Amino acid sequence: MGPSPQPSPKGEGALRYRALYLSIGFGLVGLVIYLSLGSDAPDLGRVEDVKSGHFIAYFVLMLWFAQIFQSWKLRLAIGVALTLMGIGLEYAQGMTTYRTFAYTDMRDNALGVVLGLAAAMTPLGAALVKVEARIGR
């Protein structure tokens, strides 16, 4: 068994493969941008009046980054950044000829961020730590 992971000086947790997780996270951000501005984005339908694709994308992003950054200050900053990204992408969609602008999409994105942050306080928030524990066996 290798050396045990040490928390970083900035309090971002004890993940051994942090750089990999950050790369995956930024890849997911790129995918959301691509799907938001592409002309043939998949439609995952709605639950009540919430667009599932918007909710799921921002939920996953927030939960992913909240596992990497344990500090509440950083988590809140990431949540704000993701929400602003969703707002910006919605305005960018409105500038295209093939996508539409909708305030409800901004709401669905923000709802995903908020619930992703809440999920980070459950056992889901330790999924990467548990994966590393299994890998380390």
C-alpha atoms as a PDB file:
ATOM      1  CA  MET A   1       0.000   0.000   0.000  1.00  0.00           C
ATOM      2  CA  GLY A   2       1.341   3.430  -0.968  1.00  0.00           C
ATOM      3  CA  PRO A   3       1.681   6.455   1.228  1.00  0.00           C
ATOM      4  CA  SER A   4      -1.539   7.754   2.699  1.00  0.00           C
ATOM      5  CA  PRO A   5      -2.846  10.905   1.059  1.00  0.00           C
ATOM      6  CA  GLN A   6      -2.223  14.130   2.900  1.00  0.00           C
ATOM      7  CA  PRO A   7      -4.648  17.024   2.979  1.00  0.00           C
ATOM      8  CA  SER A   8      -3.492  19.915   0.886  1.00  0.00           C
ATOM      9  CA  PRO A   9      -2.436  23.122   2.627  1.00  0.00           C
ATOM     10  CA  LYS A  10      -5.528  24.860   1.258  1.00  0.00           C
ATOM     11  CA  GLY A  11      -7.877  22.311   2.833  1.00  0.00           C
ATOM     12  CA  GLU A  12      -9.034  20.746  -0.432  1.00  0.00           C
ATOM     13  CA  GLY A  13      -9.152  17.222   0.942  1.00  0.00           C
ATOM     14  CA  ALA A  14      -6.971  14.186   0.683  1.00  0.00           C
ATOM     15  CA  LEU A  15      -7.519  12.953  -2.842  1.00  0.00           C
ATOM     16  CA  ARG A  16      -4.513  11.250  -4.426  1.00  0.00           C
ATOM     17  CA  TYR A  17      -5.730  11.706  -7.991  1.00  0.00           C
ATOM     18  CA  ARG A  18      -6.879  15.303  -7.581  1.00  0.00           C
ATOM     19  CA  ALA A  19      -5.315  16.462 -10.855  1.00  0.00           C
ATOM     20  CA  LEU A  20      -7.155  13.714 -12.726  1.00  0.00           C
ATOM     21  CA  TYR A  21     -10.442  14.631 -11.063  1.00  0.00           C
ATOM     22  CA  LEU A  22      -9.937  18.292 -11.912  1.00  0.00           C
ATOM     23  CA  SER A  23      -9.234  17.353 -15.537  1.00  0.00           C
ATOM     24  CA  ILE A  24     -12.410  15.290 -15.655  1.00  0.00           C
ATOM     25  CA  GLY A  25     -14.349  18.143 -14.052  1.00  0.00           C
ATOM     26  CA  PHE A  26     -13.127  20.693 -16.573  1.00  0.00           C
ATOM     27  CA  GLY A  27     -13.891  18.198 -19.329  1.00  0.00           C
ATOM     28  CA  LEU A  28     -17.442  18.017 -18.001  1.00  0.00           C
ATOM     29  CA  VAL A  29     -17.630  21.821 -18.027  1.00  0.00           C
ATOM     30  CA  GLY A  30     -16.479  21.764 -21.653  1.00  0.00           C
ATOM     31  CA  LEU A  31     -19.126  19.162 -22.471  1.00  0.00           C
ATOM     32  CA  VAL A  32     -21.859  21.307 -20.893  1.00  0.00           C
ATOM     33  CA  ILE A  33     -20.670  24.310 -22.919  1.00  0.00           C
ATOM     34  CA  TYR A  34     -20.606  22.245 -26.102  1.00  0.00           C
ATOM     35  CA  LEU A  35     -24.071  20.797 -25.496  1.00  0.00           C
ATOM     36  CA  SER A  36     -25.438  24.213 -24.540  1.00  0.00           C
ATOM     37  CA  LEU A  37     -24.253  25.889 -27.719  1.00  0.00           C
ATOM     38  CA  GLY A  38     -24.463  23.007 -30.180  1.00  0.00           C
ATOM     39  CA  SER A  39     -27.265  22.783 -32.683  1.00  0.00           C
ATOM     40  CA  ASP A  40     -28.228  19.177 -31.930  1.00  0.00           C
ATOM     41  CA  ALA A  41     -28.277  18.905 -28.145  1.00  0.00           C
ATOM     42  CA  PRO A  42     -30.200  15.944 -26.742  1.00  0.00           C
ATOM     43  CA  ASP A  43     -33.530  16.618 -25.036  1.00  0.00           C
ATOM     44  CA  LEU A  44     -33.880  14.596 -21.836  1.00  0.00           C
ATOM     45  CA  GLY A  45     -37.410  15.791 -21.257  1.00  0.00           C
ATOM     46  CA  ARG A  46     -38.933  17.455 -18.232  1.00  0.00           C
ATOM     47  CA  VAL A  47     -39.959  16.521 -14.737  1.00  0.00           C
ATOM     48  CA  GLU A  48     -42.844  18.807 -13.880  1.00  0.00           C
ATOM     49  CA  ASP A  49     -41.582  22.049 -15.435  1.00  0.00           C
ATOM     50  CA  VAL A  50     -37.846  21.392 -14.886  1.00  0.00           C
ATOM     51  CA  LYS A  51     -35.684  20.473 -17.880  1.00  0.00           C
ATOM     52  CA  SER A  52     -33.939  17.273 -16.801  1.00  0.00           C
ATOM     53  CA  GLY A  53     -30.808  17.875 -18.890  1.00  0.00           C
ATOM     54  CA  HIS A  54     -30.153  21.283 -17.357  1.00  0.00           C
ATOM     55  CA  PHE A  55     -30.764  20.039 -13.832  1.00  0.00           C
ATOM     56  CA  ILE A  56     -28.629  16.895 -14.208  1.00  0.00           C
ATOM     57  CA  ALA A  57     -25.705  18.708 -15.853  1.00  0.00           C
ATOM     58  CA  TYR A  58     -25.371  21.325 -13.123  1.00  0.00           C
ATOM     59  CA  PHE A  59     -26.107  18.852 -10.327  1.00  0.00           C
ATOM     60  CA  VAL A  60     -23.271  16.606 -11.529  1.00  0.00           C
ATOM     61  CA  LEU A  61     -20.855  19.519 -11.982  1.00  0.00           C
ATOM     62  CA  MET A  62     -21.518  20.888  -8.496  1.00  0.00           C
ATOM     63  CA  LEU A  63     -21.344  17.490  -6.809  1.00  0.00           C
ATOM     64  CA  TRP A  64     -18.142  16.638  -8.696  1.00  0.00           C
ATOM     65  CA  PHE A  65     -16.294  19.816  -7.760  1.00  0.00           C
ATOM     66  CA  ALA A  66     -17.639  19.776  -4.179  1.00  0.00           C
ATOM     67  CA  GLN A  67     -15.857  16.460  -3.670  1.00  0.00           C
ATOM     68  CA  ILE A  68     -12.568  17.944  -4.792  1.00  0.00           C
ATOM     69  CA  PHE A  69     -12.882  21.196  -2.851  1.00  0.00           C
ATOM     70  CA  GLN A  70     -13.954  20.601   0.747  1.00  0.00           C
ATOM     71  CA  SER A  71     -13.884  24.214   1.911  1.00  0.00           C
ATOM     72  CA  TRP A  72     -17.354  25.753   2.115  1.00  0.00           C
ATOM     73  CA  LYS A  73     -15.974  29.041   0.848  1.00  0.00           C
ATOM     74  CA  LEU A  74     -14.648  27.318  -2.268  1.00  0.00           C
ATOM     75  CA  ARG A  75     -17.818  25.277  -2.699  1.00  0.00           C
ATOM     76  CA  LEU A  76     -19.952  28.405  -2.587  1.00  0.00           C
ATOM     77  CA  ALA A  77     -17.614  30.155  -5.029  1.00  0.00           C
ATOM     78  CA  ILE A  78     -17.873  27.181  -7.394  1.00  0.00           C
ATOM     79  CA  GLY A  79     -21.657  27.217  -7.041  1.00  0.00           C
ATOM     80  CA  VAL A  80     -21.765  30.905  -7.931  1.00  0.00           C
ATOM     81  CA  ALA A  81     -19.389  30.354 -10.857  1.00  0.00           C
ATOM     82  CA  LEU A  82     -21.486  27.481 -12.224  1.00  0.00           C
ATOM     83  CA  THR A  83     -24.674  29.501 -11.851  1.00  0.00           C
ATOM     84  CA  LEU A  84     -23.079  32.435 -13.675  1.00  0.00           C
ATOM     85  CA  MET A  85     -21.857  30.059 -16.373  1.00  0.00           C
ATOM     86  CA  GLY A  86     -25.422  28.815 -16.843  1.00  0.00           C
ATOM     87  CA  ILE A  87     -26.706  32.383 -17.112  1.00  0.00           C
ATOM     88  CA  GLY A  88     -23.984  33.319 -19.586  1.00  0.00           C
ATOM     89  CA  LEU A  89     -24.627  30.253 -21.724  1.00  0.00           C
ATOM     90  CA  GLU A  90     -28.323  31.037 -21.793  1.00  0.00           C
ATOM     91  CA  TYR A  91     -27.606  34.522 -23.116  1.00  0.00           C
ATOM     92  CA  ALA A  92     -25.198  33.004 -25.657  1.00  0.00           C
ATOM     93  CA  GLN A  93     -27.949  30.614 -26.777  1.00  0.00           C
ATOM     94  CA  GLY A  94     -30.210  33.591 -27.323  1.00  0.00           C
ATOM     95  CA  MET A  95     -27.667  35.005 -29.775  1.00  0.00           C
ATOM     96  CA  THR A  96     -27.804  31.925 -31.973  1.00  0.00           C
ATOM     97  CA  THR A  97     -30.365  31.234 -34.666  1.00  0.00           C
ATOM     98  CA  TYR A  98     -30.878  27.613 -33.597  1.00  0.00           C
ATOM     99  CA  ARG A  99     -31.230  27.830 -29.767  1.00  0.00           C
ATOM    100  CA  THR A 100     -33.589  29.783 -27.547  1.00  0.00           C
ATOM    101  CA  PHE A 101     -33.179  31.951 -24.459  1.00  0.00           C
ATOM    102  CA  ALA A 102     -35.210  30.977 -21.386  1.00  0.00           C
ATOM    103  CA  TYR A 103     -35.134  32.212 -17.805  1.00  0.00           C
ATOM    104  CA  THR A 104     -36.533  28.834 -16.746  1.00  0.00           C
ATOM    105  CA  ASP A 105     -33.353  27.160 -18.026  1.00  0.00           C
ATOM    106  CA  MET A 106     -31.326  29.445 -15.744  1.00  0.00           C
ATOM    107  CA  ARG A 107     -33.569  28.396 -12.861  1.00  0.00           C
ATOM    108  CA  ASP A 108     -33.111  24.705 -13.692  1.00  0.00           C
ATOM    109  CA  ASN A 109     -29.320  25.137 -13.817  1.00  0.00           C
ATOM    110  CA  ALA A 110     -29.298  26.926 -10.447  1.00  0.00           C
ATOM    111  CA  LEU A 111     -31.573  24.265  -8.947  1.00  0.00           C
ATOM    112  CA  GLY A 112     -29.068  21.623 -10.055  1.00  0.00           C
ATOM    113  CA  VAL A 113     -26.235  23.585  -8.417  1.00  0.00           C
ATOM    114  CA  VAL A 114     -28.111  23.975  -5.125  1.00  0.00           C
ATOM    115  CA  LEU A 115     -29.128  20.321  -4.940  1.00  0.00           C
ATOM    116  CA  GLY A 116     -25.648  19.201  -6.016  1.00  0.00           C
ATOM    117  CA  LEU A 117     -24.231  21.193  -3.122  1.00  0.00           C
ATOM    118  CA  ALA A 118     -26.777  19.621  -0.772  1.00  0.00           C
ATOM    119  CA  ALA A 119     -25.917  16.148  -2.092  1.00  0.00           C
ATOM    120  CA  ALA A 120     -22.273  16.839  -1.263  1.00  0.00           C
ATOM    121  CA  MET A 121     -23.290  16.760   2.411  1.00  0.00           C
ATOM    122  CA  THR A 122     -24.574  13.181   2.059  1.00  0.00           C
ATOM    123  CA  PRO A 123     -22.563   9.984   1.474  1.00  0.00           C
ATOM    124  CA  LEU A 124     -22.553  10.914  -2.246  1.00  0.00           C
ATOM    125  CA  GLY A 125     -20.144  13.701  -1.311  1.00  0.00           C
ATOM    126  CA  ALA A 126     -17.514  11.118  -0.431  1.00  0.00           C
ATOM    127  CA  ALA A 127     -17.782   8.992  -3.578  1.00  0.00           C
ATOM    128  CA  LEU A 128     -14.301   9.871  -4.879  1.00  0.00           C
ATOM    129  CA  VAL A 129     -12.741   9.170  -1.480  1.00  0.00           C
ATOM    130  CA  LYS A 130     -14.455   5.769  -1.453  1.00  0.00           C
ATOM    131  CA  VAL A 131     -13.280   5.022  -4.993  1.00  0.00           C
ATOM    132  CA  GLU A 132      -9.710   5.816  -3.969  1.00  0.00           C
ATOM    133  CA  ALA A 133     -10.028   3.619  -0.881  1.00  0.00           C
ATOM    134  CA  ARG A 134     -11.048   0.685  -3.109  1.00  0.00           C
ATOM    135  CA  ILE A 135      -8.253   1.400  -5.582  1.00  0.00           C
ATOM    136  CA  GLY A 136      -5.748   1.483  -2.728  1.00  0.00           C
ATOM    137  CA  ARG A 137      -6.616  -2.019  -1.527  1.00  0.00           C
END
